[in-house]
């Protein structure tokens, strides 16, 4: 439940190794044993407990889907919030920044992350993203636990990210996600939702101008990699777009997402999002939908997403 951001005093890559304890001095190359419990990341080796460099951002509602009325202050107050909500998908984008600073292209190509959005963030609030290495598996997988907190230090997004030694296989294909043919913006209810129902695909145009607007104006992420590669937050934002295009929903709240990256997209193209309804449930008067999605560019999978959102908000939500 959060929004676009503004960088503040982010340390450069040369500072990432400051304060790290290097307990392991080993060599890891193509001849390494599969049982080796460590791996090299850009010439450095990490110990459990090594911290991420803190990233700060000023939350902004600019990246919110224009169709989602929960971004509107007056509408949000009807449900007990004191102001419009920054999308959780934007919070994910902010939280991805220290991962990319640490793991660079590798994480964008085959890393993963899962994030739960546990408290609302409002326009203009500062977000602080912190975390640390939580495990180093024998197969070379690096696991990081991290969170986004507000000005009071209260966690608003809680996540876990991983970078495996190798890309996951097999890469999903478009055949794994058949295109649905239902009409767009159809009514939605717990009764009408059918797990396994295929969604009508969403076609989006990725251009460098669109991407520049997203990175520089919506979430204010100025990482040099995004001058030549598509931001994972923009890809994830297709999740709320396909939800809104398939169903007539005046407002929704992002609850959680699980993302697996497969490829970097470095050329302008059409991006197609496909998926199916994975599940539905009710809790405390809120109605939830869970979607299994895949985002494709030129028949290659960029990212798979398990996306959960509240599509019917109880009046006592806040």
C-alpha atoms as a PDB file:
ATOM      1  CA  UNK A   1       0.000   0.000   0.000  1.00  0.00           C
ATOM      2  CA  UNK A   2       2.502   2.694  -0.962  1.00  0.00           C
ATOM      3  CA  UNK A   3       3.824   5.113  -3.597  1.00  0.00           C
ATOM      4  CA  UNK A   4       6.620   6.567  -5.713  1.00  0.00           C
ATOM      5  CA  UNK A   5       9.803   7.729  -4.069  1.00  0.00           C
ATOM      6  CA  UNK A   6      12.599  10.230  -3.814  1.00  0.00           C
ATOM      7  CA  UNK A   7      16.177   9.130  -3.168  1.00  0.00           C
ATOM      8  CA  UNK A   8      17.872  10.549  -0.121  1.00  0.00           C
ATOM      9  CA  UNK A   9      21.579  10.158   0.643  1.00  0.00           C
ATOM     10  CA  UNK A  10      21.946   6.688  -0.818  1.00  0.00           C
ATOM     11  CA  UNK A  11      25.490   5.351  -0.534  1.00  0.00           C
ATOM     12  CA  UNK A  12      27.305   4.362  -3.687  1.00  0.00           C
ATOM     13  CA  UNK A  13      28.319   0.819  -4.567  1.00  0.00           C
ATOM     14  CA  UNK A  14      31.810   1.322  -3.161  1.00  0.00           C
ATOM     15  CA  UNK A  15      30.263   1.705   0.277  1.00  0.00           C
ATOM     16  CA  UNK A  16      28.424  -1.618   0.159  1.00  0.00           C
ATOM     17  CA  UNK A  17      31.364  -3.560   1.535  1.00  0.00           C
ATOM     18  CA  UNK A  18      31.915  -1.220   4.496  1.00  0.00           C
ATOM     19  CA  UNK A  19      30.898  -2.766   7.782  1.00  0.00           C
ATOM     20  CA  UNK A  20      30.704  -6.278   6.292  1.00  0.00           C
ATOM     21  CA  UNK A  21      32.414  -9.186   8.040  1.00  0.00           C
ATOM     22  CA  UNK A  22      34.075 -11.501   5.584  1.00  0.00           C
ATOM     23  CA  UNK A  23      34.216 -14.781   7.456  1.00  0.00           C
ATOM     24  CA  UNK A  24      34.889 -16.907   4.409  1.00  0.00           C
ATOM     25  CA  UNK A  25      37.950 -16.761   2.187  1.00  0.00           C
ATOM     26  CA  UNK A  26      37.370 -19.267  -0.573  1.00  0.00           C
ATOM     27  CA  UNK A  27      37.442 -19.458  -4.321  1.00  0.00           C
ATOM     28  CA  UNK A  28      34.206 -20.121  -6.202  1.00  0.00           C
ATOM     29  CA  UNK A  29      34.294 -20.682  -9.922  1.00  0.00           C
ATOM     30  CA  UNK A  30      32.936 -23.045 -12.545  1.00  0.00           C
ATOM     31  CA  UNK A  31      34.791 -25.936 -10.976  1.00  0.00           C
ATOM     32  CA  UNK A  32      33.338 -25.378  -7.507  1.00  0.00           C
ATOM     33  CA  UNK A  33      31.672 -28.307  -5.831  1.00  0.00           C
ATOM     34  CA  UNK A  34      27.857 -28.127  -5.747  1.00  0.00           C
ATOM     35  CA  UNK A  35      28.162 -28.673  -2.006  1.00  0.00           C
ATOM     36  CA  UNK A  36      30.138 -25.440  -1.497  1.00  0.00           C
ATOM     37  CA  UNK A  37      28.021 -23.419   1.001  1.00  0.00           C
ATOM     38  CA  UNK A  38      29.229 -20.003  -0.205  1.00  0.00           C
ATOM     39  CA  UNK A  39      29.199 -18.008  -3.398  1.00  0.00           C
ATOM     40  CA  UNK A  40      30.938 -14.994  -4.827  1.00  0.00           C
ATOM     41  CA  UNK A  41      28.879 -11.884  -5.614  1.00  0.00           C
ATOM     42  CA  UNK A  42      30.799  -9.367  -7.691  1.00  0.00           C
ATOM     43  CA  UNK A  43      34.110 -10.255  -6.103  1.00  0.00           C
ATOM     44  CA  UNK A  44      32.782 -10.215  -2.526  1.00  0.00           C
ATOM     45  CA  UNK A  45      31.685 -12.957  -0.134  1.00  0.00           C
ATOM     46  CA  UNK A  46      28.940 -12.440   2.412  1.00  0.00           C
ATOM     47  CA  UNK A  47      28.325 -13.727   5.917  1.00  0.00           C
ATOM     48  CA  UNK A  48      24.964 -14.309   7.537  1.00  0.00           C
ATOM     49  CA  UNK A  49      23.963 -11.055   9.212  1.00  0.00           C
ATOM     50  CA  UNK A  50      25.734  -8.754   6.757  1.00  0.00           C
ATOM     51  CA  UNK A  51      23.444  -5.714   6.338  1.00  0.00           C
ATOM     52  CA  UNK A  52      22.013  -4.142   3.241  1.00  0.00           C
ATOM     53  CA  UNK A  53      22.896  -0.498   2.808  1.00  0.00           C
ATOM     54  CA  UNK A  54      19.848   1.499   3.911  1.00  0.00           C
ATOM     55  CA  UNK A  55      17.737   3.024   1.149  1.00  0.00           C
ATOM     56  CA  UNK A  56      15.418   5.967   1.783  1.00  0.00           C
ATOM     57  CA  UNK A  57      12.599   7.149  -0.436  1.00  0.00           C
ATOM     58  CA  UNK A  58       9.800   9.683  -0.226  1.00  0.00           C
ATOM     59  CA  UNK A  59       6.553   7.855  -0.981  1.00  0.00           C
ATOM     60  CA  UNK A  60       4.500   9.301  -3.813  1.00  0.00           C
ATOM     61  CA  UNK A  61       1.076   8.460  -5.114  1.00  0.00           C
ATOM     62  CA  UNK A  62       2.103   9.266  -8.683  1.00  0.00           C
ATOM     63  CA  UNK A  63       2.682   5.608  -9.555  1.00  0.00           C
ATOM     64  CA  UNK A  64      -0.820   4.594  -8.422  1.00  0.00           C
ATOM     65  CA  UNK A  65      -3.194   3.206 -11.034  1.00  0.00           C
ATOM     66  CA  UNK A  66      -5.506   6.047 -12.042  1.00  0.00           C
ATOM     67  CA  UNK A  67      -8.473   3.638 -11.933  1.00  0.00           C
ATOM     68  CA  UNK A  68      -7.897   2.810  -8.270  1.00  0.00           C
ATOM     69  CA  UNK A  69      -9.918   5.180  -6.131  1.00  0.00           C
ATOM     70  CA  UNK A  70      -8.186   4.102  -2.923  1.00  0.00           C
ATOM     71  CA  UNK A  71      -5.480   6.600  -3.897  1.00  0.00           C
ATOM     72  CA  UNK A  72      -8.038   9.402  -3.398  1.00  0.00           C
ATOM     73  CA  UNK A  73      -8.031  10.947   0.083  1.00  0.00           C
ATOM     74  CA  UNK A  74     -11.786  11.391   0.355  1.00  0.00           C
ATOM     75  CA  UNK A  75     -12.538   7.883  -0.915  1.00  0.00           C
ATOM     76  CA  UNK A  76      -9.940   6.305   1.406  1.00  0.00           C
ATOM     77  CA  UNK A  77     -11.415   8.092   4.428  1.00  0.00           C
ATOM     78  CA  UNK A  78     -14.725   6.318   3.861  1.00  0.00           C
ATOM     79  CA  UNK A  79     -12.924   3.119   4.804  1.00  0.00           C
ATOM     80  CA  UNK A  80     -11.161   4.503   7.850  1.00  0.00           C
ATOM     81  CA  UNK A  81      -7.834   5.551   6.341  1.00  0.00           C
ATOM     82  CA  UNK A  82      -6.706   9.110   7.011  1.00  0.00           C
ATOM     83  CA  UNK A  83      -5.519   9.639   3.411  1.00  0.00           C
ATOM     84  CA  UNK A  84      -5.134   7.903   0.069  1.00  0.00           C
ATOM     85  CA  UNK A  85      -2.905   4.828  -0.010  1.00  0.00           C
ATOM     86  CA  UNK A  86       0.364   4.435  -1.859  1.00  0.00           C
ATOM     87  CA  UNK A  87       0.149   1.137  -3.844  1.00  0.00           C
ATOM     88  CA  UNK A  88       1.923  -1.861  -2.367  1.00  0.00           C
ATOM     89  CA  UNK A  89       3.323  -2.439  -5.843  1.00  0.00           C
ATOM     90  CA  UNK A  90       5.160   0.885  -5.534  1.00  0.00           C
ATOM     91  CA  UNK A  91       6.495  -0.197  -2.141  1.00  0.00           C
ATOM     92  CA  UNK A  92       7.873  -3.310  -3.823  1.00  0.00           C
ATOM     93  CA  UNK A  93       9.644  -1.074  -6.348  1.00  0.00           C
ATOM     94  CA  UNK A  94      11.287   0.939  -3.562  1.00  0.00           C
ATOM     95  CA  UNK A  95      12.249  -2.236  -1.735  1.00  0.00           C
ATOM     96  CA  UNK A  96      13.897  -3.646  -4.858  1.00  0.00           C
ATOM     97  CA  UNK A  97      16.488  -0.867  -5.004  1.00  0.00           C
ATOM     98  CA  UNK A  98      18.945  -2.139  -2.347  1.00  0.00           C
ATOM     99  CA  UNK A  99      18.630  -5.627  -3.844  1.00  0.00           C
ATOM    100  CA  UNK A 100      19.734  -4.301  -7.221  1.00  0.00           C
ATOM    101  CA  UNK A 101      22.518  -2.251  -5.626  1.00  0.00           C
ATOM    102  CA  UNK A 102      23.821  -5.389  -3.963  1.00  0.00           C
ATOM    103  CA  UNK A 103      23.188  -8.074  -6.597  1.00  0.00           C
ATOM    104  CA  UNK A 104      22.922  -5.946  -9.751  1.00  0.00           C
ATOM    105  CA  UNK A 105      21.896  -7.609 -13.019  1.00  0.00           C
ATOM    106  CA  UNK A 106      21.974 -11.088 -11.537  1.00  0.00           C
ATOM    107  CA  UNK A 107      18.949 -10.425  -9.353  1.00  0.00           C
ATOM    108  CA  UNK A 108      17.066  -8.791 -12.246  1.00  0.00           C
ATOM    109  CA  UNK A 109      17.763 -11.839 -14.420  1.00  0.00           C
ATOM    110  CA  UNK A 110      16.972 -14.690 -12.055  1.00  0.00           C
ATOM    111  CA  UNK A 111      16.416 -13.419  -8.518  1.00  0.00           C
ATOM    112  CA  UNK A 112      13.148 -13.614  -6.623  1.00  0.00           C
ATOM    113  CA  UNK A 113      11.312 -11.735  -3.882  1.00  0.00           C
ATOM    114  CA  UNK A 114       8.136 -12.009  -1.873  1.00  0.00           C
ATOM    115  CA  UNK A 115       6.690  -9.033  -0.018  1.00  0.00           C
ATOM    116  CA  UNK A 116       3.683  -8.600   2.286  1.00  0.00           C
ATOM    117  CA  UNK A 117       2.240  -5.110   2.638  1.00  0.00           C
ATOM    118  CA  UNK A 118       1.259  -5.055   6.297  1.00  0.00           C
ATOM    119  CA  UNK A 119       0.436  -1.378   6.960  1.00  0.00           C
ATOM    120  CA  UNK A 120      -0.606   1.542   4.775  1.00  0.00           C
ATOM    121  CA  UNK A 121       1.814   4.201   3.596  1.00  0.00           C
ATOM    122  CA  UNK A 122       0.528   7.607   2.588  1.00  0.00           C
ATOM    123  CA  UNK A 123       1.707  10.226   0.123  1.00  0.00           C
ATOM    124  CA  UNK A 124       4.821  12.081   1.261  1.00  0.00           C
ATOM    125  CA  UNK A 125       5.865   9.666   3.993  1.00  0.00           C
ATOM    126  CA  UNK A 126       9.491   8.624   4.127  1.00  0.00           C
ATOM    127  CA  UNK A 127      10.246   4.941   3.579  1.00  0.00           C
ATOM    128  CA  UNK A 128      13.386   3.322   4.932  1.00  0.00           C
ATOM    129  CA  UNK A 129      14.393  -0.013   3.450  1.00  0.00           C
ATOM    130  CA  UNK A 130      16.752  -2.136   5.549  1.00  0.00           C
ATOM    131  CA  UNK A 131      17.691  -5.799   5.696  1.00  0.00           C
ATOM    132  CA  UNK A 132      20.444  -8.360   6.023  1.00  0.00           C
ATOM    133  CA  UNK A 133      21.691 -11.644   4.633  1.00  0.00           C
ATOM    134  CA  UNK A 134      19.716 -14.331   6.461  1.00  0.00           C
ATOM    135  CA  UNK A 135      21.197 -17.497   4.968  1.00  0.00           C
ATOM    136  CA  UNK A 136      23.780 -18.847   2.528  1.00  0.00           C
ATOM    137  CA  UNK A 137      22.676 -22.239   1.222  1.00  0.00           C
ATOM    138  CA  UNK A 138      24.985 -25.036   0.182  1.00  0.00           C
ATOM    139  CA  UNK A 139      23.729 -24.718  -3.386  1.00  0.00           C
ATOM    140  CA  UNK A 140      24.946 -21.101  -3.466  1.00  0.00           C
ATOM    141  CA  UNK A 141      21.593 -19.377  -2.884  1.00  0.00           C
ATOM    142  CA  UNK A 142      21.813 -16.047  -1.046  1.00  0.00           C
ATOM    143  CA  UNK A 143      18.728 -15.226   1.036  1.00  0.00           C
ATOM    144  CA  UNK A 144      17.969 -11.730   2.334  1.00  0.00           C
ATOM    145  CA  UNK A 145      15.286 -10.687   4.830  1.00  0.00           C
ATOM    146  CA  UNK A 146      14.333  -7.044   4.449  1.00  0.00           C
ATOM    147  CA  UNK A 147      11.618  -4.520   5.238  1.00  0.00           C
ATOM    148  CA  UNK A 148      10.284  -1.050   4.500  1.00  0.00           C
ATOM    149  CA  UNK A 149       9.424   1.059   7.544  1.00  0.00           C
ATOM    150  CA  UNK A 150       7.740   4.459   7.932  1.00  0.00           C
ATOM    151  CA  UNK A 151       9.007   7.532   9.805  1.00  0.00           C
ATOM    152  CA  UNK A 152       8.125   5.944  13.148  1.00  0.00           C
ATOM    153  CA  UNK A 153      10.096   2.824  12.327  1.00  0.00           C
ATOM    154  CA  UNK A 154       6.941   0.726  11.970  1.00  0.00           C
ATOM    155  CA  UNK A 155       7.291  -1.984   9.287  1.00  0.00           C
ATOM    156  CA  UNK A 156       4.906  -1.461   6.375  1.00  0.00           C
ATOM    157  CA  UNK A 157       6.386  -3.966   3.927  1.00  0.00           C
ATOM    158  CA  UNK A 158       8.085  -7.207   4.972  1.00  0.00           C
ATOM    159  CA  UNK A 159       9.955  -9.310   2.447  1.00  0.00           C
ATOM    160  CA  UNK A 160      12.401 -12.036   1.627  1.00  0.00           C
ATOM    161  CA  UNK A 161      14.573 -12.039  -1.488  1.00  0.00           C
ATOM    162  CA  UNK A 162      16.759 -14.743  -2.978  1.00  0.00           C
ATOM    163  CA  UNK A 163      19.479 -15.027  -5.558  1.00  0.00           C
ATOM    164  CA  UNK A 164      20.093 -18.639  -6.611  1.00  0.00           C
ATOM    165  CA  UNK A 165      23.366 -19.752  -8.137  1.00  0.00           C
ATOM    166  CA  UNK A 166      21.589 -20.579 -11.388  1.00  0.00           C
ATOM    167  CA  UNK A 167      18.519 -19.390 -13.261  1.00  0.00           C
ATOM    168  CA  UNK A 168      15.340 -21.351 -12.480  1.00  0.00           C
ATOM    169  CA  UNK A 169      14.262 -23.924 -15.039  1.00  0.00           C
ATOM    170  CA  UNK A 170      12.218 -24.397 -17.063  1.00  0.00           C
ATOM    171  CA  UNK A 171      11.316 -20.874 -18.102  1.00  0.00           C
ATOM    172  CA  UNK A 172       7.519 -20.533 -18.360  1.00  0.00           C
ATOM    173  CA  UNK A 173       6.081 -20.273 -21.853  1.00  0.00           C
ATOM    174  CA  UNK A 174       2.981 -18.553 -23.158  1.00  0.00           C
ATOM    175  CA  UNK A 175       1.454 -21.998 -23.628  1.00  0.00           C
ATOM    176  CA  UNK A 176       1.518 -22.371 -19.842  1.00  0.00           C
ATOM    177  CA  UNK A 177      -0.757 -19.325 -19.597  1.00  0.00           C
ATOM    178  CA  UNK A 178      -3.539 -19.623 -22.191  1.00  0.00           C
ATOM    179  CA  UNK A 179      -5.327 -16.423 -23.092  1.00  0.00           C
ATOM    180  CA  UNK A 180      -8.770 -16.016 -21.558  1.00  0.00           C
ATOM    181  CA  UNK A 181     -11.610 -14.664 -23.681  1.00  0.00           C
ATOM    182  CA  UNK A 182     -13.968 -13.187 -21.105  1.00  0.00           C
ATOM    183  CA  UNK A 183     -15.193  -9.645 -21.562  1.00  0.00           C
ATOM    184  CA  UNK A 184     -13.246  -6.858 -19.936  1.00  0.00           C
ATOM    185  CA  UNK A 185     -14.309  -5.019 -16.772  1.00  0.00           C
ATOM    186  CA  UNK A 186     -16.834  -7.688 -15.856  1.00  0.00           C
ATOM    187  CA  UNK A 187     -18.518  -7.794 -12.430  1.00  0.00           C
ATOM    188  CA  UNK A 188     -16.572  -9.482  -9.649  1.00  0.00           C
ATOM    189  CA  UNK A 189     -17.669 -11.235  -6.455  1.00  0.00           C
ATOM    190  CA  UNK A 190     -16.556 -14.173  -4.355  1.00  0.00           C
ATOM    191  CA  UNK A 191     -19.415 -16.135  -5.869  1.00  0.00           C
ATOM    192  CA  UNK A 192     -18.542 -15.363  -9.492  1.00  0.00           C
ATOM    193  CA  UNK A 193     -14.771 -15.897  -9.224  1.00  0.00           C
ATOM    194  CA  UNK A 194     -13.697 -19.331 -10.386  1.00  0.00           C
ATOM    195  CA  UNK A 195     -10.196 -20.588  -9.505  1.00  0.00           C
ATOM    196  CA  UNK A 196      -8.494 -21.664 -12.705  1.00  0.00           C
ATOM    197  CA  UNK A 197     -10.352 -19.066 -14.803  1.00  0.00           C
ATOM    198  CA  UNK A 198      -7.986 -17.578 -17.393  1.00  0.00           C
ATOM    199  CA  UNK A 199      -7.737 -13.808 -17.639  1.00  0.00           C
ATOM    200  CA  UNK A 200      -8.051 -11.789 -20.789  1.00  0.00           C
ATOM    201  CA  UNK A 201      -4.447 -10.752 -21.574  1.00  0.00           C
ATOM    202  CA  UNK A 202      -3.179  -7.229 -21.056  1.00  0.00           C
ATOM    203  CA  UNK A 203      -0.970  -5.672 -23.753  1.00  0.00           C
ATOM    204  CA  UNK A 204       1.323  -2.837 -22.624  1.00  0.00           C
ATOM    205  CA  UNK A 205       3.794  -0.798 -24.619  1.00  0.00           C
ATOM    206  CA  UNK A 206       7.288  -0.595 -23.191  1.00  0.00           C
ATOM    207  CA  UNK A 207       9.124   2.434 -24.575  1.00  0.00           C
ATOM    208  CA  UNK A 208      12.051   4.291 -23.101  1.00  0.00           C
ATOM    209  CA  UNK A 209       9.854   7.352 -22.701  1.00  0.00           C
ATOM    210  CA  UNK A 210       7.278   5.384 -20.686  1.00  0.00           C
ATOM    211  CA  UNK A 211      10.078   3.863 -18.646  1.00  0.00           C
ATOM    212  CA  UNK A 212      11.720   7.234 -18.049  1.00  0.00           C
ATOM    213  CA  UNK A 213       8.424   8.595 -16.716  1.00  0.00           C
ATOM    214  CA  UNK A 214       8.065   5.618 -14.380  1.00  0.00           C
ATOM    215  CA  UNK A 215      11.623   5.626 -13.020  1.00  0.00           C
ATOM    216  CA  UNK A 216      12.271   9.348 -12.854  1.00  0.00           C
ATOM    217  CA  UNK A 217       8.853  10.766 -11.995  1.00  0.00           C
ATOM    218  CA  UNK A 218       6.775   8.007 -10.411  1.00  0.00           C
ATOM    219  CA  UNK A 219       9.204   6.127  -8.155  1.00  0.00           C
ATOM    220  CA  UNK A 220      12.321   8.305  -8.602  1.00  0.00           C
ATOM    221  CA  UNK A 221      14.770   5.446  -8.964  1.00  0.00           C
ATOM    222  CA  UNK A 222      17.863   6.731 -10.736  1.00  0.00           C
ATOM    223  CA  UNK A 223      19.926   3.550 -10.804  1.00  0.00           C
ATOM    224  CA  UNK A 224      22.139   3.467 -13.894  1.00  0.00           C
ATOM    225  CA  UNK A 225      20.936  -0.029 -14.823  1.00  0.00           C
ATOM    226  CA  UNK A 226      17.498   1.356 -15.640  1.00  0.00           C
ATOM    227  CA  UNK A 227      18.889   3.494 -18.411  1.00  0.00           C
ATOM    228  CA  UNK A 228      19.143   0.248 -20.401  1.00  0.00           C
ATOM    229  CA  UNK A 229      16.883  -2.279 -18.649  1.00  0.00           C
ATOM    230  CA  UNK A 230      13.237  -2.492 -17.651  1.00  0.00           C
ATOM    231  CA  UNK A 231      12.492  -1.883 -13.964  1.00  0.00           C
ATOM    232  CA  UNK A 232      11.023  -4.902 -12.080  1.00  0.00           C
ATOM    233  CA  UNK A 233       8.520  -2.590 -10.406  1.00  0.00           C
ATOM    234  CA  UNK A 234       7.073  -1.575 -13.770  1.00  0.00           C
ATOM    235  CA  UNK A 235       6.726  -5.238 -14.690  1.00  0.00           C
ATOM    236  CA  UNK A 236       4.983  -5.989 -11.386  1.00  0.00           C
ATOM    237  CA  UNK A 237       2.615  -3.064 -11.910  1.00  0.00           C
ATOM    238  CA  UNK A 238       1.095  -5.078 -14.779  1.00  0.00           C
ATOM    239  CA  UNK A 239      -0.526  -7.187 -12.027  1.00  0.00           C
ATOM    240  CA  UNK A 240      -2.849  -4.423 -10.871  1.00  0.00           C
ATOM    241  CA  UNK A 241      -3.437  -3.361 -14.470  1.00  0.00           C
ATOM    242  CA  UNK A 242      -4.645  -6.796 -15.567  1.00  0.00           C
ATOM    243  CA  UNK A 243      -6.848  -7.001 -12.463  1.00  0.00           C
ATOM    244  CA  UNK A 244      -8.445  -3.643 -13.263  1.00  0.00           C
ATOM    245  CA  UNK A 245      -8.852  -4.431 -16.960  1.00  0.00           C
ATOM    246  CA  UNK A 246     -10.577  -7.765 -16.337  1.00  0.00           C
ATOM    247  CA  UNK A 247     -12.874  -6.741 -13.489  1.00  0.00           C
ATOM    248  CA  UNK A 248     -14.990  -3.698 -12.653  1.00  0.00           C
ATOM    249  CA  UNK A 249     -13.388  -2.674  -9.359  1.00  0.00           C
ATOM    250  CA  UNK A 250     -13.627   0.915  -8.083  1.00  0.00           C
ATOM    251  CA  UNK A 251     -10.834   0.403  -5.545  1.00  0.00           C
ATOM    252  CA  UNK A 252      -8.449  -2.310  -4.430  1.00  0.00           C
ATOM    253  CA  UNK A 253      -5.585  -2.746  -1.969  1.00  0.00           C
ATOM    254  CA  UNK A 254      -2.361  -4.623  -2.730  1.00  0.00           C
ATOM    255  CA  UNK A 255      -1.791  -7.294  -0.079  1.00  0.00           C
ATOM    256  CA  UNK A 256       1.237  -9.291  -1.205  1.00  0.00           C
ATOM    257  CA  UNK A 257       3.301 -10.370  -4.184  1.00  0.00           C
ATOM    258  CA  UNK A 258       5.726 -13.159  -4.982  1.00  0.00           C
ATOM    259  CA  UNK A 259       7.971 -12.408  -7.939  1.00  0.00           C
ATOM    260  CA  UNK A 260      10.390 -14.590  -9.877  1.00  0.00           C
ATOM    261  CA  UNK A 261      12.570 -12.808 -12.434  1.00  0.00           C
ATOM    262  CA  UNK A 262      13.691 -14.640 -15.580  1.00  0.00           C
ATOM    263  CA  UNK A 263      15.106 -12.101 -18.028  1.00  0.00           C
ATOM    264  CA  UNK A 264      16.163  -8.515 -18.501  1.00  0.00           C
ATOM    265  CA  UNK A 265      14.293  -6.567 -21.152  1.00  0.00           C
ATOM    266  CA  UNK A 266      16.619  -4.100 -22.856  1.00  0.00           C
ATOM    267  CA  UNK A 267      14.701  -3.188 -26.024  1.00  0.00           C
ATOM    268  CA  UNK A 268      11.409  -1.421 -26.626  1.00  0.00           C
ATOM    269  CA  UNK A 269       8.583  -3.836 -27.325  1.00  0.00           C
ATOM    270  CA  UNK A 270       5.029  -4.853 -26.531  1.00  0.00           C
ATOM    271  CA  UNK A 271       4.682  -6.581 -23.180  1.00  0.00           C
ATOM    272  CA  UNK A 272       1.907  -9.136 -22.676  1.00  0.00           C
ATOM    273  CA  UNK A 273       0.583 -10.132 -19.266  1.00  0.00           C
ATOM    274  CA  UNK A 274      -1.329 -13.403 -18.940  1.00  0.00           C
ATOM    275  CA  UNK A 275      -2.682 -15.284 -15.979  1.00  0.00           C
ATOM    276  CA  UNK A 276      -5.386 -17.119 -14.130  1.00  0.00           C
ATOM    277  CA  UNK A 277      -7.358 -16.859 -10.912  1.00  0.00           C
ATOM    278  CA  UNK A 278      -5.484 -18.884  -8.328  1.00  0.00           C
ATOM    279  CA  UNK A 279      -7.791 -18.391  -5.374  1.00  0.00           C
ATOM    280  CA  UNK A 280     -10.257 -16.271  -3.427  1.00  0.00           C
ATOM    281  CA  UNK A 281     -11.176 -15.863   0.225  1.00  0.00           C
ATOM    282  CA  UNK A 282     -12.823 -13.607   2.802  1.00  0.00           C
ATOM    283  CA  UNK A 283     -11.275 -12.294   5.991  1.00  0.00           C
ATOM    284  CA  UNK A 284     -12.775  -9.749   8.361  1.00  0.00           C
ATOM    285  CA  UNK A 285     -15.247  -8.593   5.745  1.00  0.00           C
ATOM    286  CA  UNK A 286     -12.549  -8.003   3.128  1.00  0.00           C
ATOM    287  CA  UNK A 287     -12.761 -10.042  -0.102  1.00  0.00           C
ATOM    288  CA  UNK A 288      -9.459 -11.225  -1.563  1.00  0.00           C
ATOM    289  CA  UNK A 289      -8.383 -12.408  -5.002  1.00  0.00           C
ATOM    290  CA  UNK A 290      -5.152 -14.280  -5.754  1.00  0.00           C
ATOM    291  CA  UNK A 291      -3.777 -14.254  -9.309  1.00  0.00           C
ATOM    292  CA  UNK A 292      -1.055 -16.344 -10.934  1.00  0.00           C
ATOM    293  CA  UNK A 293       0.510 -14.207 -13.662  1.00  0.00           C
ATOM    294  CA  UNK A 294       3.352 -14.223 -16.174  1.00  0.00           C
ATOM    295  CA  UNK A 295       4.704 -11.254 -18.106  1.00  0.00           C
ATOM    296  CA  UNK A 296       6.127 -11.899 -21.575  1.00  0.00           C
ATOM    297  CA  UNK A 297       8.135  -9.903 -24.093  1.00  0.00           C
ATOM    298  CA  UNK A 298       8.681 -11.361 -27.562  1.00  0.00           C
ATOM    299  CA  UNK A 299       7.526 -14.778 -26.322  1.00  0.00           C
ATOM    300  CA  UNK A 300      10.079 -14.851 -23.514  1.00  0.00           C
ATOM    301  CA  UNK A 301       9.038 -14.729 -19.863  1.00  0.00           C
ATOM    302  CA  UNK A 302      10.310 -11.706 -17.957  1.00  0.00           C
ATOM    303  CA  UNK A 303       8.651 -12.379 -14.636  1.00  0.00           C
ATOM    304  CA  UNK A 304       6.091 -14.610 -12.916  1.00  0.00           C
ATOM    305  CA  UNK A 305       3.893 -13.127 -10.187  1.00  0.00           C
ATOM    306  CA  UNK A 306       1.635 -14.444  -7.443  1.00  0.00           C
ATOM    307  CA  UNK A 307      -0.439 -11.360  -6.649  1.00  0.00           C
ATOM    308  CA  UNK A 308      -2.989 -10.944  -3.855  1.00  0.00           C
ATOM    309  CA  UNK A 309      -5.322  -7.962  -3.533  1.00  0.00           C
ATOM    310  CA  UNK A 310      -8.443  -6.931  -1.649  1.00  0.00           C
ATOM    311  CA  UNK A 311     -11.136  -6.180  -4.223  1.00  0.00           C
ATOM    312  CA  UNK A 312     -13.979  -5.570  -1.757  1.00  0.00           C
ATOM    313  CA  UNK A 313     -12.861  -3.401   1.181  1.00  0.00           C
ATOM    314  CA  UNK A 314     -14.680  -3.705   4.496  1.00  0.00           C
ATOM    315  CA  UNK A 315     -15.651  -0.404   6.099  1.00  0.00           C
ATOM    316  CA  UNK A 316     -13.523  -1.332   9.107  1.00  0.00           C
ATOM    317  CA  UNK A 317     -10.410  -1.950   6.961  1.00  0.00           C
ATOM    318  CA  UNK A 318      -8.150   0.634   8.581  1.00  0.00           C
END
